[in-house]
């Protein structure tokens, strides 16, 4: 009996953790699974991604929330609705915004604010007298209003400025990078890039490391390296500010799987950590590797190569971002599927190049 209960619990958890993707078909929105079946048939006028186990959907001019079976758990009575996070969502009713819980009940007790901000990573901003602070999902103030600006959380961290100086905070209100810099980048593995006066460098574990003659940094990838520009060329430095690859490239993108896209004389290829181009520059554009494959552009469309540079999916597609509520920019294979566009329709490719289910008017990335 205990074994049966345990297996049932696993099955329940699997269903609830299953990733779903928002799709549009014949003007209506629904949800598909990674197995290529409809979790919810397209029937809604509009919809947002699943978040915190619920999705905001629009039906007959009003918004409500459905579960993974497409059943309304909060009736469609709102003029507008945003995503749930940590059990709280913002909704609009008669031109006024409120916080609600998963029972659809309006919540009270949040601090006064010039506007209601959505929750992300269990935290929300609030603004008083032109200063911004942070509350948690119990409406407790974890950071009193002190910043002039706090940007949206990205990968769990937010850029924050006071008196034109920038730092970085986390959802608990902790200042992980002190607000003393003229510019800061995103935050990854206790590290960001920063500008301090005329100097550029990295802030690693709270310490500023100046890197001579650098004028620009790239984006973080999945490894402890970041592209840096010196003069007209790009190379890579580690998080201690040491050059791992000298600035020899015209342009770069982040490292992943020990390979990084680099441009040499107007064409893109891939370098390894020793600076050897293991995939020769031959593409018009190229993206970092993910799930062992990388999206490359051959001038007439995007396809996919393996780490040996062999084309495994022909360059017959577009891969730019779709209509997503977050406008996520990830390109290529994510969790075993790649979102692509062809002949005006969106769909998902498997690693063997076969299409998952069918083509849609629009398709979002998969979300838990």
Protein backbone atom coordinates (compact mmCIF):
# COMPACT_ATOMS: atom_id res chain seq x y z
CA UNK A 1 0.00 0.00 0.00
CA UNK A 2 2.85 2.38 0.91
CA UNK A 3 4.58 1.55 -2.39
CA UNK A 4 1.44 2.37 -4.38
CA UNK A 5 1.07 5.67 -2.51
CA UNK A 6 4.75 6.51 -3.13
CA UNK A 7 4.44 5.82 -6.87
CA UNK A 8 1.26 7.90 -7.03
CA UNK A 9 3.04 10.75 -5.28
CA UNK A 10 5.90 10.61 -7.81
CA UNK A 11 3.40 10.63 -10.68
CA UNK A 12 1.57 13.59 -9.14
CA UNK A 13 4.82 15.53 -8.72
CA UNK A 14 5.86 14.71 -12.30
CA UNK A 15 2.59 16.00 -13.72
CA UNK A 16 2.81 19.18 -11.68
CA UNK A 17 6.46 19.76 -12.64
CA UNK A 18 5.89 19.10 -16.33
CA UNK A 19 6.95 21.92 -18.61
CA UNK A 20 4.33 23.41 -20.91
CA UNK A 21 4.55 25.81 -23.84
CA UNK A 22 2.00 28.43 -24.81
CA UNK A 23 0.91 28.20 -28.47
CA UNK A 24 -1.50 30.04 -30.74
CA UNK A 25 -3.58 28.17 -33.30
CA UNK A 26 -6.44 29.55 -35.40
CA UNK A 27 -6.41 32.70 -33.28
CA UNK A 28 -6.77 30.84 -29.97
CA UNK A 29 -4.25 30.03 -27.25
CA UNK A 30 -3.55 26.64 -25.69
CA UNK A 31 -0.73 24.63 -24.10
CA UNK A 32 1.38 21.73 -25.34
CA UNK A 33 3.64 19.25 -23.56
CA UNK A 34 7.18 18.26 -24.51
CA UNK A 35 5.76 14.90 -25.57
CA UNK A 36 3.88 16.68 -28.36
CA UNK A 37 0.35 16.52 -26.99
CA UNK A 38 -2.10 19.26 -26.08
CA UNK A 39 -2.31 19.74 -22.32
CA UNK A 40 -4.94 22.38 -23.04
CA UNK A 41 -6.58 22.65 -26.46
CA UNK A 42 -6.39 26.17 -28.00
CA UNK A 43 -9.54 27.88 -26.77
CA UNK A 44 -8.55 31.12 -25.04
CA UNK A 45 -8.59 34.62 -26.57
CA UNK A 46 -5.23 35.43 -24.99
CA UNK A 47 -2.93 33.87 -22.43
CA UNK A 48 0.31 34.20 -20.50
CA UNK A 49 2.93 31.59 -19.60
CA UNK A 50 2.42 29.15 -16.76
CA UNK A 51 3.96 30.46 -13.58
CA UNK A 52 3.68 29.09 -10.06
CA UNK A 53 1.32 26.40 -11.34
CA UNK A 54 -1.26 28.71 -12.92
CA UNK A 55 -1.66 30.60 -16.19
CA UNK A 56 -3.51 33.86 -16.74
CA UNK A 57 -5.97 33.51 -19.66
CA UNK A 58 -8.50 35.77 -21.32
CA UNK A 59 -11.97 34.60 -22.21
CA UNK A 60 -14.96 36.69 -23.24
CA UNK A 61 -13.04 39.89 -22.57
CA UNK A 62 -12.04 39.04 -18.99
CA UNK A 63 -8.96 37.47 -17.38
CA UNK A 64 -8.78 34.60 -14.93
CA UNK A 65 -6.43 31.72 -14.08
CA UNK A 66 -6.42 28.08 -15.17
CA UNK A 67 -4.54 25.01 -13.96
CA UNK A 68 -2.56 22.60 -16.16
CA UNK A 69 -5.76 20.91 -17.33
CA UNK A 70 -7.18 24.22 -18.55
CA UNK A 71 -9.75 24.34 -15.75
CA UNK A 72 -10.50 27.74 -14.27
CA UNK A 73 -9.40 27.87 -10.64
CA UNK A 74 -9.92 31.64 -10.47
CA UNK A 75 -12.87 32.80 -12.62
CA UNK A 76 -12.32 35.21 -15.51
CA UNK A 77 -13.57 38.40 -13.87
CA UNK A 78 -10.53 40.70 -14.11
CA UNK A 79 -9.77 43.45 -16.62
CA UNK A 80 -6.11 42.43 -16.66
CA UNK A 81 -3.93 39.85 -14.93
CA UNK A 82 -0.23 39.16 -14.46
CA UNK A 83 1.76 36.04 -13.53
CA UNK A 84 1.73 34.35 -10.13
CA UNK A 85 4.97 34.16 -8.18
CA UNK A 86 5.30 32.78 -4.64
CA UNK A 87 1.52 32.58 -4.41
CA UNK A 88 0.79 36.21 -5.37
CA UNK A 89 -0.30 37.90 -8.60
CA UNK A 90 -1.35 41.42 -9.58
CA UNK A 91 -4.72 41.93 -11.23
CA UNK A 92 -6.65 44.94 -12.49
CA UNK A 93 -10.30 45.60 -11.71
CA UNK A 94 -12.10 48.81 -12.66
CA UNK A 95 -8.79 50.59 -13.35
CA UNK A 96 -7.35 49.67 -9.92
CA UNK A 97 -4.57 47.12 -9.38
CA UNK A 98 -4.63 44.63 -6.49
CA UNK A 99 -2.62 41.70 -5.18
CA UNK A 100 -4.48 38.38 -5.03
CA UNK A 101 -3.69 34.89 -3.72
CA UNK A 102 -4.34 31.58 -5.50
CA UNK A 103 -7.89 31.52 -4.18
CA UNK A 104 -8.56 34.78 -6.05
CA UNK A 105 -8.87 36.73 -2.80
CA UNK A 106 -7.67 40.33 -2.72
CA UNK A 107 -4.76 40.69 -0.31
CA UNK A 108 -4.25 43.61 2.03
CA UNK A 109 -1.40 44.75 4.20
CA UNK A 110 1.20 45.57 1.56
CA UNK A 111 3.10 48.84 2.16
CA UNK A 112 1.85 51.96 0.45
CA UNK A 113 3.35 52.31 -3.01
CA UNK A 114 3.04 54.65 -5.97
CA UNK A 115 2.18 51.54 -8.04
CA UNK A 116 1.92 47.78 -7.57
CA UNK A 117 4.92 45.86 -8.89
CA UNK A 118 4.78 42.20 -9.90
CA UNK A 119 6.48 39.57 -7.76
CA UNK A 120 9.58 37.81 -9.11
CA UNK A 121 11.82 35.43 -7.18
CA UNK A 122 9.52 35.86 -4.19
CA UNK A 123 10.03 39.61 -4.02
CA UNK A 124 8.39 42.78 -5.32
CA UNK A 125 9.46 46.39 -5.48
CA UNK A 126 7.53 49.21 -3.82
CA UNK A 127 8.02 52.92 -4.30
CA UNK A 128 7.53 55.74 -1.82
CA UNK A 129 8.57 59.38 -2.31
CA UNK A 130 10.51 58.48 -5.46
CA UNK A 131 12.59 55.84 -3.67
CA UNK A 132 12.37 52.09 -4.30
CA UNK A 133 12.56 49.22 -1.80
CA UNK A 134 11.70 45.49 -1.72
CA UNK A 135 9.03 43.42 0.04
CA UNK A 136 8.69 39.64 0.35
CA UNK A 137 5.54 37.61 -0.26
CA UNK A 138 4.44 38.16 3.33
CA UNK A 139 4.46 41.92 2.59
CA UNK A 140 7.38 42.35 4.97
CA UNK A 141 9.82 45.09 4.07
CA UNK A 142 13.20 43.44 3.41
CA UNK A 143 14.75 46.58 1.95
CA UNK A 144 13.51 50.02 2.95
CA UNK A 145 13.11 52.48 0.05
CA UNK A 146 16.60 53.86 -0.59
CA UNK A 147 17.34 53.44 -4.29
CA UNK A 148 16.35 55.82 -7.06
CA UNK A 149 15.99 52.90 -9.49
CA UNK A 150 15.91 49.13 -9.26
CA UNK A 151 15.83 47.27 -12.57
CA UNK A 152 13.87 44.03 -13.03
CA UNK A 153 15.36 40.90 -11.52
CA UNK A 154 17.38 38.84 -13.98
CA UNK A 155 18.56 35.37 -12.95
CA UNK A 156 17.78 36.32 -9.36
CA UNK A 157 19.57 39.68 -9.17
CA UNK A 158 18.69 43.30 -9.93
CA UNK A 159 20.75 46.35 -10.80
CA UNK A 160 20.08 49.23 -8.38
CA UNK A 161 21.12 52.89 -8.44
CA UNK A 162 21.29 55.69 -5.91
CA UNK A 163 22.79 59.12 -6.62
CA UNK A 164 23.77 57.92 -10.12
CA UNK A 165 25.89 55.08 -8.70
CA UNK A 166 25.03 51.46 -9.47
CA UNK A 167 25.18 48.23 -7.50
CA UNK A 168 23.30 44.91 -7.44
CA UNK A 169 20.74 43.53 -4.95
CA UNK A 170 19.16 40.12 -4.44
CA UNK A 171 15.49 39.35 -3.60
CA UNK A 172 16.24 39.34 0.15
CA UNK A 173 17.32 42.99 -0.11
CA UNK A 174 21.02 42.19 0.32
CA UNK A 175 23.37 44.46 -1.62
CA UNK A 176 25.67 41.89 -3.24
CA UNK A 177 27.53 44.61 -5.16
CA UNK A 178 27.93 47.98 -3.45
CA UNK A 179 26.29 50.93 -5.28
CA UNK A 180 29.52 52.80 -5.99
CA UNK A 181 30.00 52.17 -9.73
CA UNK A 182 29.15 54.23 -12.79
CA UNK A 183 27.93 51.11 -14.62
CA UNK A 184 27.42 47.45 -13.76
CA UNK A 185 26.52 44.38 -15.77
CA UNK A 186 24.46 41.31 -14.93
CA UNK A 187 25.48 39.13 -11.98
CA UNK A 188 26.75 35.58 -12.34
CA UNK A 189 28.62 33.38 -9.85
CA UNK A 190 29.49 36.27 -7.47
CA UNK A 191 30.74 38.35 -10.38
CA UNK A 192 29.75 41.31 -12.52
CA UNK A 193 31.59 43.74 -14.76
CA UNK A 194 31.71 47.38 -13.71
CA UNK A 195 32.94 50.83 -14.67
CA UNK A 196 34.54 52.95 -11.97
CA UNK A 197 35.51 56.39 -13.18
CA UNK A 198 37.51 55.77 -16.36
CA UNK A 199 38.39 52.21 -15.38
CA UNK A 200 36.64 49.00 -16.43
CA UNK A 201 37.00 45.74 -14.58
CA UNK A 202 35.26 42.92 -12.75
CA UNK A 203 33.71 42.92 -9.30
CA UNK A 204 34.40 39.41 -8.02
CA UNK A 205 33.39 38.43 -4.48
CA UNK A 206 32.86 42.10 -3.71
CA UNK A 207 36.31 43.27 -4.87
CA UNK A 208 36.89 45.50 -7.91
CA UNK A 209 39.59 44.16 -10.23
CA UNK A 210 40.74 46.74 -12.78
CA UNK A 211 41.63 45.37 -16.22
CA UNK A 212 43.88 47.77 -18.13
CA UNK A 213 42.72 49.21 -21.44
CA UNK A 214 39.40 47.34 -21.53
CA UNK A 215 36.49 49.43 -22.84
CA UNK A 216 33.60 46.95 -22.97
CA UNK A 217 32.44 43.55 -21.75
CA UNK A 218 30.20 40.88 -23.26
CA UNK A 219 27.48 38.78 -21.67
CA UNK A 220 28.01 35.93 -19.21
CA UNK A 221 27.64 32.40 -20.50
CA UNK A 222 27.67 29.15 -18.55
CA UNK A 223 31.39 29.23 -17.65
CA UNK A 224 33.52 31.48 -15.46
CA UNK A 225 34.75 33.55 -18.40
CA UNK A 226 33.59 36.80 -19.94
CA UNK A 227 34.45 38.49 -23.22
CA UNK A 228 36.35 41.76 -22.96
CA UNK A 229 37.20 44.35 -25.62
CA UNK A 230 40.68 45.88 -25.78
CA UNK A 231 41.23 48.33 -28.62
CA UNK A 232 39.22 47.00 -31.57
CA UNK A 233 39.50 43.30 -30.65
CA UNK A 234 37.79 40.91 -28.26
CA UNK A 235 39.20 38.19 -26.04
CA UNK A 236 38.22 36.44 -22.81
CA UNK A 237 39.19 37.00 -19.19
CA UNK A 238 38.57 34.80 -16.16
CA UNK A 239 36.91 36.04 -12.99
CA UNK A 240 40.27 37.04 -11.52
CA UNK A 241 40.70 39.49 -14.40
CA UNK A 242 43.39 37.46 -16.19
CA UNK A 243 43.40 37.08 -19.96
CA UNK A 244 42.60 33.48 -20.92
CA UNK A 245 42.33 34.24 -24.64
CA UNK A 246 44.08 37.35 -25.91
CA UNK A 247 41.97 39.95 -27.75
CA UNK A 248 42.30 38.65 -31.32
CA UNK A 249 38.66 38.37 -32.44
CA UNK A 250 36.42 40.87 -34.22
CA UNK A 251 33.45 39.84 -32.10
CA UNK A 252 32.55 37.11 -29.61
CA UNK A 253 29.68 35.42 -27.81
CA UNK A 254 29.77 33.53 -24.47
CA UNK A 255 31.51 30.23 -23.78
CA UNK A 256 29.44 27.08 -23.31
CA UNK A 257 30.70 23.48 -23.39
CA UNK A 258 34.25 24.91 -23.63
CA UNK A 259 33.42 26.47 -27.00
CA UNK A 260 32.59 30.07 -27.89
CA UNK A 261 31.35 31.66 -31.14
CA UNK A 262 33.94 34.11 -32.53
CA UNK A 263 33.96 36.30 -35.63
CA UNK A 264 37.07 36.59 -37.78
CA UNK A 265 37.01 38.61 -41.02
CA UNK A 266 33.20 38.82 -41.12
CA UNK A 267 32.57 35.09 -40.61
CA UNK A 268 31.73 33.17 -37.44
CA UNK A 269 33.29 29.98 -36.14
CA UNK A 270 34.03 28.44 -32.73
CA UNK A 271 37.14 28.61 -30.57
CA UNK A 272 38.12 26.34 -27.72
CA UNK A 273 39.82 27.43 -24.50
CA UNK A 274 43.25 27.22 -26.16
CA UNK A 275 42.24 29.72 -28.85
CA UNK A 276 42.08 27.10 -31.58
CA UNK A 277 39.17 27.44 -34.02
CA UNK A 278 37.78 23.92 -33.87
CA UNK A 279 34.95 25.00 -36.16
CA UNK A 280 36.36 27.22 -38.88
CA UNK A 281 34.78 30.66 -39.52
CA UNK A 282 32.23 30.01 -42.27
CA UNK A 283 28.90 31.25 -40.90
CA UNK A 284 27.12 34.61 -41.13
CA UNK A 285 26.10 34.30 -37.48
CA UNK A 286 26.40 31.74 -34.69
CA UNK A 287 25.03 31.07 -31.21
CA UNK A 288 26.55 29.32 -28.17
CA UNK A 289 26.22 25.55 -27.82
CA UNK A 290 23.33 24.14 -25.82
CA UNK A 291 22.42 20.47 -25.42
CA UNK A 292 25.38 19.64 -27.66
CA UNK A 293 24.09 21.62 -30.64
CA UNK A 294 24.51 25.22 -31.80
CA UNK A 295 22.39 27.40 -34.07
CA UNK A 296 24.29 28.80 -37.06
CA UNK A 297 23.27 31.06 -39.94
CA UNK A 298 24.51 30.26 -43.42
CA UNK A 299 23.15 33.45 -44.96
CA UNK A 300 19.79 32.08 -46.04
CA UNK A 301 18.56 30.71 -42.72
CA UNK A 302 19.43 29.04 -39.42
CA UNK A 303 20.35 25.42 -38.89
CA UNK A 304 22.20 23.42 -36.23
CA UNK A 305 25.68 21.92 -36.00
CA UNK A 306 27.27 19.51 -33.55
CA UNK A 307 30.53 20.20 -31.72
CA UNK A 308 32.52 18.85 -34.70
CA UNK A 309 30.95 21.49 -36.94
CA UNK A 310 28.83 18.99 -38.86
CA UNK A 311 25.39 20.27 -39.92
CA UNK A 312 22.80 18.00 -38.34
CA UNK A 313 19.73 20.13 -39.08
CA UNK A 314 19.66 22.08 -42.39
CA UNK A 315 19.63 25.90 -42.37
CA UNK A 316 15.95 26.25 -43.23
CA UNK A 317 14.66 28.18 -40.21
CA UNK A 318 14.43 31.46 -38.32
CA UNK A 319 15.15 31.39 -34.59
CA UNK A 320 14.51 34.94 -33.31
CA UNK A 321 12.34 35.47 -30.24
CA UNK A 322 8.60 34.88 -30.57
CA UNK A 323 5.78 36.75 -28.86
CA UNK A 324 6.64 35.78 -25.27
CA UNK A 325 5.37 37.56 -22.20
CA UNK A 326 8.97 37.82 -20.96
CA UNK A 327 10.54 38.21 -24.44
CA UNK A 328 13.16 35.65 -23.49
CA UNK A 329 15.95 35.64 -26.05
CA UNK A 330 17.34 32.13 -25.67
CA UNK A 331 18.05 30.58 -29.05
CA UNK A 332 18.80 27.00 -29.93
CA UNK A 333 18.10 23.81 -28.03
CA UNK A 334 16.75 24.26 -24.51
CA UNK A 335 15.77 21.15 -22.60
CA UNK A 336 15.87 18.99 -25.71
CA UNK A 337 13.82 21.19 -28.04
CA UNK A 338 14.51 24.24 -30.21
CA UNK A 339 11.90 26.85 -31.05
CA UNK A 340 12.07 27.81 -34.73
CA UNK A 341 10.07 29.68 -37.35
CA UNK A 342 9.42 28.59 -40.93
CA UNK A 343 7.12 30.05 -43.57
CA UNK A 344 5.56 32.38 -41.00
CA UNK A 345 4.77 29.60 -38.51
CA UNK A 346 6.40 28.64 -35.19
CA UNK A 347 7.20 25.18 -33.91
CA UNK A 348 9.67 23.04 -31.98
CA UNK A 349 12.38 20.82 -33.42
CA UNK A 350 13.76 17.67 -31.85
CA UNK A 351 17.54 17.02 -32.03
CA UNK A 352 16.96 14.75 -35.04
CA UNK A 353 15.31 17.64 -36.90
CA UNK A 354 11.78 16.25 -36.67
CA UNK A 355 8.92 18.59 -35.79
CA UNK A 356 7.18 18.29 -32.45
CA UNK A 357 3.39 18.09 -32.97
CA UNK A 358 2.76 20.83 -35.64
CA UNK A 359 3.34 24.43 -36.74
CA UNK A 360 1.59 27.27 -34.89
CA UNK A 361 0.83 30.96 -35.42
CA UNK A 362 3.04 31.61 -32.38
CA UNK A 363 4.86 29.53 -29.80
CA UNK A 364 6.42 30.40 -26.45
CA UNK A 365 9.37 28.69 -24.78
CA UNK A 366 8.55 25.86 -22.40
CA UNK A 367 7.98 26.82 -18.76
CA UNK A 368 7.37 24.85 -15.57
